[in-house]
Every structure is written in C-alpha cells, then in structure tokens.
Amino acid sequence: MKIQTINLDKGGGGKSSHAYNQAWWLATEKNKRVLLIDGARECNLSHSFDVTSEKTIYDIFQTGEYEGHL
C-alpha cells in the first residue's frame, strides 16, 4: 500500500486535475485499487465523479458515518 497526498494552499494549482488523472491512470493502466479523499473546501474532485453528500470528512473521522459507494 502506498499513500500519496497532493496539497497546495491556493486555488487553481491543478490539485484536483492531477489527482483525478493519476487515479484514473493507476486504476485503468496499472490495475490498482485507488481511494481518493477530497478534503478541499471546493470539492472539485468529488464533483468530477458526480458525488454529492450531506456528510463530510469530519463525519467519517468523528462518527464513522458516510454516504456513497464502495
């Protein structure tokens, strides 16, 4: 298992695009399982996959509750 983070504390730096493209490449070309956690305020990565939820990352860490597909 490998963990990679992408962080840049400004908008427009390409964080979501890079994460999306790298995850797609790992999943489709390298046949890897990929977990993406979108912690950005804008949730652009989540919107790329058409994911909406009332729950936040805070809910997952505090209560273990989440919405979505596994």
PDB file of N, CA and C in Angstrom:
ATOM      1  N   MET A   1       0.849  -1.170   0.000  1.00  0.00           N
ATOM      2  CA  MET A   1       0.000   0.000   0.000  1.00  0.00           C
ATOM      3  C   MET A   1       0.894   1.231   0.000  1.00  0.00           C
ATOM      4  N   LYS A   2       0.512   2.199  -0.793  1.00  0.00           N
ATOM      5  CA  LYS A   2       1.215   3.476  -0.841  1.00  0.00           C
ATOM      6  C   LYS A   2       0.211   4.591  -0.619  1.00  0.00           C
ATOM      7  N   ILE A   3       0.646   5.615   0.066  1.00  0.00           N
ATOM      8  CA  ILE A   3      -0.195   6.781   0.310  1.00  0.00           C
ATOM      9  C   ILE A   3       0.477   7.974  -0.339  1.00  0.00           C
ATOM     10  N   GLN A   4      -0.302   8.718  -1.092  1.00  0.00           N
ATOM     11  CA  GLN A   4       0.208   9.923  -1.723  1.00  0.00           C
ATOM     12  C   GLN A   4      -0.752  11.053  -1.421  1.00  0.00           C
ATOM     13  N   THR A   5      -0.221  12.196  -1.078  1.00  0.00           N
ATOM     14  CA  THR A   5      -1.065  13.365  -0.849  1.00  0.00           C
ATOM     15  C   THR A   5      -0.692  14.455  -1.847  1.00  0.00           C
ATOM     16  N   ILE A   6      -1.663  15.282  -2.143  1.00  0.00           N
ATOM     17  CA  ILE A   6      -1.452  16.434  -3.019  1.00  0.00           C
ATOM     18  C   ILE A   6      -1.973  17.647  -2.267  1.00  0.00           C
ATOM     19  N   ASN A   7      -1.103  18.607  -2.029  1.00  0.00           N
ATOM     20  CA  ASN A   7      -1.515  19.785  -1.273  1.00  0.00           C
ATOM     21  C   ASN A   7      -0.859  21.026  -1.855  1.00  0.00           C
ATOM     22  N   LEU A   8      -1.646  22.043  -2.014  1.00  0.00           N
ATOM     23  CA  LEU A   8      -1.179  23.357  -2.420  1.00  0.00           C
ATOM     24  C   LEU A   8      -2.242  24.312  -1.901  1.00  0.00           C
ATOM     25  N   ASP A   9      -1.852  25.214  -1.019  1.00  0.00           N
ATOM     26  CA  ASP A   9      -2.841  26.048  -0.341  1.00  0.00           C
ATOM     27  C   ASP A   9      -3.232  27.272  -1.173  1.00  0.00           C
ATOM     28  N   LYS A  10      -3.679  27.003  -2.384  1.00  0.00           N
ATOM     29  CA  LYS A  10      -4.213  28.067  -3.230  1.00  0.00           C
ATOM     30  C   LYS A  10      -5.100  27.430  -4.283  1.00  0.00           C
ATOM     31  N   GLY A  11      -5.984  28.187  -4.800  1.00  0.00           N
ATOM     32  CA  GLY A  11      -6.854  27.680  -5.848  1.00  0.00           C
ATOM     33  C   GLY A  11      -6.182  27.741  -7.204  1.00  0.00           C
ATOM     34  N   GLY A  12      -6.617  26.885  -8.104  1.00  0.00           N
ATOM     35  CA  GLY A  12      -6.134  26.932  -9.468  1.00  0.00           C
ATOM     36  C   GLY A  12      -4.777  26.303  -9.707  1.00  0.00           C
ATOM     37  N   GLY A  13      -4.299  25.535  -8.755  1.00  0.00           N
ATOM     38  CA  GLY A  13      -2.985  24.918  -8.894  1.00  0.00           C
ATOM     39  C   GLY A  13      -2.994  23.557  -9.562  1.00  0.00           C
ATOM     40  N   GLY A  14      -4.170  23.037  -9.885  1.00  0.00           N
ATOM     41  CA  GLY A  14      -4.274  21.762 -10.582  1.00  0.00           C
ATOM     42  C   GLY A  14      -4.317  20.540  -9.684  1.00  0.00           C
ATOM     43  N   LYS A  15      -4.599  20.720  -8.410  1.00  0.00           N
ATOM     44  CA  LYS A  15      -4.632  19.596  -7.461  1.00  0.00           C
ATOM     45  C   LYS A  15      -5.680  18.554  -7.851  1.00  0.00           C
ATOM     46  N   SER A  16      -6.894  18.997  -8.090  1.00  0.00           N
ATOM     47  CA  SER A  16      -7.974  18.060  -8.422  1.00  0.00           C
ATOM     48  C   SER A  16      -7.715  17.377  -9.756  1.00  0.00           C
ATOM     49  N   SER A  17      -7.274  18.131 -10.736  1.00  0.00           N
ATOM     50  CA  SER A  17      -6.992  17.549 -12.052  1.00  0.00           C
ATOM     51  C   SER A  17      -5.882  16.513 -11.968  1.00  0.00           C
ATOM     52  N   HIS A  18      -4.834  16.830 -11.240  1.00  0.00           N
ATOM     53  CA  HIS A  18      -3.719  15.890 -11.096  1.00  0.00           C
ATOM     54  C   HIS A  18      -4.172  14.623 -10.375  1.00  0.00           C
ATOM     55  N   ALA A  19      -4.900  14.783  -9.276  1.00  0.00           N
ATOM     56  CA  ALA A  19      -5.369  13.624  -8.514  1.00  0.00           C
ATOM     57  C   ALA A  19      -6.289  12.748  -9.360  1.00  0.00           C
ATOM     58  N   TYR A  20      -7.215  13.372 -10.072  1.00  0.00           N
ATOM     59  CA  TYR A  20      -8.149  12.642 -10.920  1.00  0.00           C
ATOM     60  C   TYR A  20      -7.403  11.857 -12.001  1.00  0.00           C
ATOM     61  N   ASN A  21      -6.516  12.516 -12.710  1.00  0.00           N
ATOM     62  CA  ASN A  21      -5.793  11.871 -13.803  1.00  0.00           C
ATOM     63  C   ASN A  21      -4.864  10.772 -13.313  1.00  0.00           C
ATOM     64  N   GLN A  22      -4.194  10.993 -12.201  1.00  0.00           N
ATOM     65  CA  GLN A  22      -3.302   9.969 -11.683  1.00  0.00           C
ATOM     66  C   GLN A  22      -4.097   8.765 -11.182  1.00  0.00           C
ATOM     67  N   ALA A  23      -5.208   9.008 -10.515  1.00  0.00           N
ATOM     68  CA  ALA A  23      -6.047   7.901 -10.043  1.00  0.00           C
ATOM     69  C   ALA A  23      -6.600   7.098 -11.207  1.00  0.00           C
ATOM     70  N   TRP A  24      -7.052   7.790 -12.248  1.00  0.00           N
ATOM     71  CA  TRP A  24      -7.557   7.103 -13.435  1.00  0.00           C
ATOM     72  C   TRP A  24      -6.468   6.228 -14.043  1.00  0.00           C
ATOM     73  N   TRP A  25      -5.262   6.773 -14.182  1.00  0.00           N
ATOM     74  CA  TRP A  25      -4.144   6.036 -14.767  1.00  0.00           C
ATOM     75  C   TRP A  25      -3.784   4.806 -13.925  1.00  0.00           C
ATOM     76  N   LEU A  26      -3.708   4.983 -12.618  1.00  0.00           N
ATOM     77  CA  LEU A  26      -3.381   3.848 -11.745  1.00  0.00           C
ATOM     78  C   LEU A  26      -4.447   2.763 -11.831  1.00  0.00           C
ATOM     79  N   ALA A  27      -5.704   3.177 -11.877  1.00  0.00           N
ATOM     80  CA  ALA A  27      -6.806   2.209 -11.900  1.00  0.00           C
ATOM     81  C   ALA A  27      -6.927   1.501 -13.240  1.00  0.00           C
ATOM     82  N   THR A  28      -6.815   2.248 -14.325  1.00  0.00           N
ATOM     83  CA  THR A  28      -7.065   1.641 -15.633  1.00  0.00           C
ATOM     84  C   THR A  28      -5.824   1.039 -16.276  1.00  0.00           C
ATOM     85  N   GLU A  29      -4.704   1.711 -16.144  1.00  0.00           N
ATOM     86  CA  GLU A  29      -3.493   1.239 -16.808  1.00  0.00           C
ATOM     87  C   GLU A  29      -2.678   0.275 -15.946  1.00  0.00           C
ATOM     88  N   LYS A  30      -2.715   0.466 -14.639  1.00  0.00           N
ATOM     89  CA  LYS A  30      -1.909  -0.361 -13.739  1.00  0.00           C
ATOM     90  C   LYS A  30      -2.754  -1.335 -12.915  1.00  0.00           C
ATOM     91  N   ASN A  31      -4.074  -1.312 -13.122  1.00  0.00           N
ATOM     92  CA  ASN A  31      -4.999  -2.210 -12.441  1.00  0.00           C
ATOM     93  C   ASN A  31      -4.856  -2.157 -10.917  1.00  0.00           C
ATOM     94  N   LYS A  32      -4.743  -0.943 -10.382  1.00  0.00           N
ATOM     95  CA  LYS A  32      -4.610  -0.731  -8.940  1.00  0.00           C
ATOM     96  C   LYS A  32      -5.930  -0.245  -8.367  1.00  0.00           C
ATOM     97  N   ARG A  33      -6.145  -0.570  -7.112  1.00  0.00           N
ATOM     98  CA  ARG A  33      -7.296  -0.019  -6.397  1.00  0.00           C
ATOM     99  C   ARG A  33      -6.892   1.337  -5.845  1.00  0.00           C
ATOM    100  N   VAL A  34      -7.762   2.309  -6.007  1.00  0.00           N
ATOM    101  CA  VAL A  34      -7.435   3.690  -5.634  1.00  0.00           C
ATOM    102  C   VAL A  34      -8.543   4.241  -4.750  1.00  0.00           C
ATOM    103  N   LEU A  35      -8.147   4.883  -3.667  1.00  0.00           N
ATOM    104  CA  LEU A  35      -9.085   5.591  -2.796  1.00  0.00           C
ATOM    105  C   LEU A  35      -8.725   7.062  -2.857  1.00  0.00           C
ATOM    106  N   LEU A  36      -9.681   7.880  -3.255  1.00  0.00           N
ATOM    107  CA  LEU A  36      -9.481   9.321  -3.283  1.00  0.00           C
ATOM    108  C   LEU A  36     -10.298   9.943  -2.161  1.00  0.00           C
ATOM    109  N   ILE A  37      -9.674  10.786  -1.374  1.00  0.00           N
ATOM    110  CA  ILE A  37     -10.366  11.529  -0.323  1.00  0.00           C
ATOM    111  C   ILE A  37     -10.218  13.003  -0.668  1.00  0.00           C
ATOM    112  N   ASP A  38     -11.323  13.638  -0.932  1.00  0.00           N
ATOM    113  CA  ASP A  38     -11.331  15.051  -1.317  1.00  0.00           C
ATOM    114  C   ASP A  38     -11.525  15.890  -0.070  1.00  0.00           C
ATOM    115  N   GLY A  39     -10.447  16.463   0.420  1.00  0.00           N
ATOM    116  CA  GLY A  39     -10.522  17.295   1.615  1.00  0.00           C
ATOM    117  C   GLY A  39     -10.569  18.782   1.309  1.00  0.00           C
ATOM    118  N   ALA A  40     -10.610  19.148   0.047  1.00  0.00           N
ATOM    119  CA  ALA A  40     -10.619  20.561  -0.335  1.00  0.00           C
ATOM    120  C   ALA A  40     -11.994  21.177  -0.084  1.00  0.00           C
ATOM    121  N   ARG A  41     -11.990  22.437   0.259  1.00  0.00           N
ATOM    122  CA  ARG A  41     -13.245  23.150   0.521  1.00  0.00           C
ATOM    123  C   ARG A  41     -14.155  23.185  -0.703  1.00  0.00           C
ATOM    124  N   GLU A  42     -13.550  23.254  -1.894  1.00  0.00           N
ATOM    125  CA  GLU A  42     -14.333  23.388  -3.114  1.00  0.00           C
ATOM    126  C   GLU A  42     -14.946  22.067  -3.572  1.00  0.00           C
ATOM    127  N   CYS A  43     -14.401  20.951  -3.150  1.00  0.00           N
ATOM    128  CA  CYS A  43     -14.882  19.602  -3.508  1.00  0.00           C
ATOM    129  C   CYS A  43     -14.868  19.361  -5.013  1.00  0.00           C
ATOM    130  N   ASN A  44     -13.929  19.951  -5.728  1.00  0.00           N
ATOM    131  CA  ASN A  44     -13.875  19.769  -7.180  1.00  0.00           C
ATOM    132  C   ASN A  44     -13.639  18.324  -7.573  1.00  0.00           C
ATOM    133  N   LEU A  45     -12.828  17.606  -6.814  1.00  0.00           N
ATOM    134  CA  LEU A  45     -12.568  16.204  -7.127  1.00  0.00           C
ATOM    135  C   LEU A  45     -13.844  15.383  -6.976  1.00  0.00           C
ATOM    136  N   SER A  46     -14.583  15.619  -5.920  1.00  0.00           N
ATOM    137  CA  SER A  46     -15.859  14.923  -5.720  1.00  0.00           C
ATOM    138  C   SER A  46     -16.822  15.216  -6.859  1.00  0.00           C
ATOM    139  N   HIS A  47     -16.882  16.469  -7.290  1.00  0.00           N
ATOM    140  CA  HIS A  47     -17.773  16.845  -8.386  1.00  0.00           C
ATOM    141  C   HIS A  47     -17.347  16.205  -9.705  1.00  0.00           C
ATOM    142  N   SER A  48     -16.044  15.922  -9.865  1.00  0.00           N
ATOM    143  CA  SER A  48     -15.564  15.259 -11.084  1.00  0.00           C
ATOM    144  C   SER A  48     -16.206  13.887 -11.248  1.00  0.00           C
ATOM    145  N   PHE A  49     -16.515  13.239 -10.124  1.00  0.00           N
ATOM    146  CA  PHE A  49     -17.135  11.918 -10.145  1.00  0.00           C
ATOM    147  C   PHE A  49     -18.632  12.003  -9.905  1.00  0.00           C
ATOM    148  N   ASP A  50     -19.193  13.211  -9.918  1.00  0.00           N
ATOM    149  CA  ASP A  50     -20.613  13.448  -9.692  1.00  0.00           C
ATOM    150  C   ASP A  50     -21.053  12.886  -8.338  1.00  0.00           C
ATOM    151  N   VAL A  51     -20.243  13.134  -7.311  1.00  0.00           N
ATOM    152  CA  VAL A  51     -20.541  12.669  -5.959  1.00  0.00           C
ATOM    153  C   VAL A  51     -21.027  13.853  -5.142  1.00  0.00           C
ATOM    154  N   THR A  52     -22.172  13.694  -4.509  1.00  0.00           N
ATOM    155  CA  THR A  52     -22.676  14.692  -3.578  1.00  0.00           C
ATOM    156  C   THR A  52     -23.060  13.989  -2.297  1.00  0.00           C
ATOM    157  N   SER A  53     -22.941  14.694  -1.190  1.00  0.00           N
ATOM    158  CA  SER A  53     -23.235  14.086   0.094  1.00  0.00           C
ATOM    159  C   SER A  53     -23.504  15.163   1.127  1.00  0.00           C
ATOM    160  N   GLU A  54     -24.320  14.831   2.088  1.00  0.00           N
ATOM    161  CA  GLU A  54     -24.526  15.713   3.226  1.00  0.00           C
ATOM    162  C   GLU A  54     -23.427  15.508   4.257  1.00  0.00           C
ATOM    163  N   LYS A  55     -22.801  14.340   4.233  1.00  0.00           N
ATOM    164  CA  LYS A  55     -21.730  14.013   5.171  1.00  0.00           C
ATOM    165  C   LYS A  55     -20.430  14.645   4.702  1.00  0.00           C
ATOM    166  N   THR A  56     -19.544  14.926   5.638  1.00  0.00           N
ATOM    167  CA  THR A  56     -18.240  15.485   5.314  1.00  0.00           C
ATOM    168  C   THR A  56     -17.155  14.544   5.819  1.00  0.00           C
ATOM    169  N   ILE A  57     -15.920  14.867   5.509  1.00  0.00           N
ATOM    170  CA  ILE A  57     -14.810  14.070   6.001  1.00  0.00           C
ATOM    171  C   ILE A  57     -14.762  14.101   7.534  1.00  0.00           C
ATOM    172  N   TYR A  58     -15.228  15.201   8.115  1.00  0.00           N
ATOM    173  CA  TYR A  58     -15.315  15.304   9.567  1.00  0.00           C
ATOM    174  C   TYR A  58     -16.217  14.203  10.128  1.00  0.00           C
ATOM    175  N   ASP A  59     -17.366  13.967   9.496  1.00  0.00           N
ATOM    176  CA  ASP A  59     -18.292  12.926   9.952  1.00  0.00           C
ATOM    177  C   ASP A  59     -17.638  11.545   9.925  1.00  0.00           C
ATOM    178  N   ILE A  60     -16.860  11.281   8.895  1.00  0.00           N
ATOM    179  CA  ILE A  60     -16.210   9.972   8.784  1.00  0.00           C
ATOM    180  C   ILE A  60     -15.253   9.763   9.948  1.00  0.00           C
ATOM    181  N   PHE A  61     -14.424  10.756  10.228  1.00  0.00           N
ATOM    182  CA  PHE A  61     -13.441  10.610  11.297  1.00  0.00           C
ATOM    183  C   PHE A  61     -14.059  10.659  12.687  1.00  0.00           C
ATOM    184  N   GLN A  62     -15.135  11.398  12.870  1.00  0.00           N
ATOM    185  CA  GLN A  62     -15.736  11.521  14.187  1.00  0.00           C
ATOM    186  C   GLN A  62     -16.737  10.417  14.503  1.00  0.00           C
ATOM    187  N   THR A  63     -17.537  10.010  13.516  1.00  0.00           N
ATOM    188  CA  THR A  63     -18.607   9.054  13.793  1.00  0.00           C
ATOM    189  C   THR A  63     -18.504   7.770  12.961  1.00  0.00           C
ATOM    190  N   GLY A  64     -17.683   7.783  11.927  1.00  0.00           N
ATOM    191  CA  GLY A  64     -17.601   6.632  11.038  1.00  0.00           C
ATOM    192  C   GLY A  64     -18.720   6.593  10.014  1.00  0.00           C
ATOM    193  N   GLU A  65     -19.592   7.599  10.024  1.00  0.00           N
ATOM    194  CA  GLU A  65     -20.721   7.633   9.096  1.00  0.00           C
ATOM    195  C   GLU A  65     -20.295   8.230   7.759  1.00  0.00           C
ATOM    196  N   TYR A  66     -20.812   7.665   6.682  1.00  0.00           N
ATOM    197  CA  TYR A  66     -20.520   8.177   5.357  1.00  0.00           C
ATOM    198  C   TYR A  66     -21.675   7.837   4.439  1.00  0.00           C
ATOM    199  N   GLU A  67     -21.686   8.502   3.312  1.00  0.00           N
ATOM    200  CA  GLU A  67     -22.630   8.192   2.234  1.00  0.00           C
ATOM    201  C   GLU A  67     -21.801   7.905   1.001  1.00  0.00           C
ATOM    202  N   GLY A  68     -22.260   7.047   0.165  1.00  0.00           N
ATOM    203  CA  GLY A  68     -21.534   6.819  -1.076  1.00  0.00           C
ATOM    204  C   GLY A  68     -21.451   5.354  -1.437  1.00  0.00           C
ATOM    205  N   HIS A  69     -20.638   5.077  -2.410  1.00  0.00           N
ATOM    206  CA  HIS A  69     -20.488   3.736  -2.939  1.00  0.00           C
ATOM    207  C   HIS A  69     -19.116   3.197  -2.580  1.00  0.00           C
ATOM    208  N   LEU A  70     -19.074   1.929  -2.284  1.00  0.00           N
ATOM    209  CA  LEU A  70     -17.793   1.274  -2.019  1.00  0.00           C
ATOM    210  C   LEU A  70     -17.400   0.430  -3.188  1.00  0.00           C
TER     211      LEU A  70
END
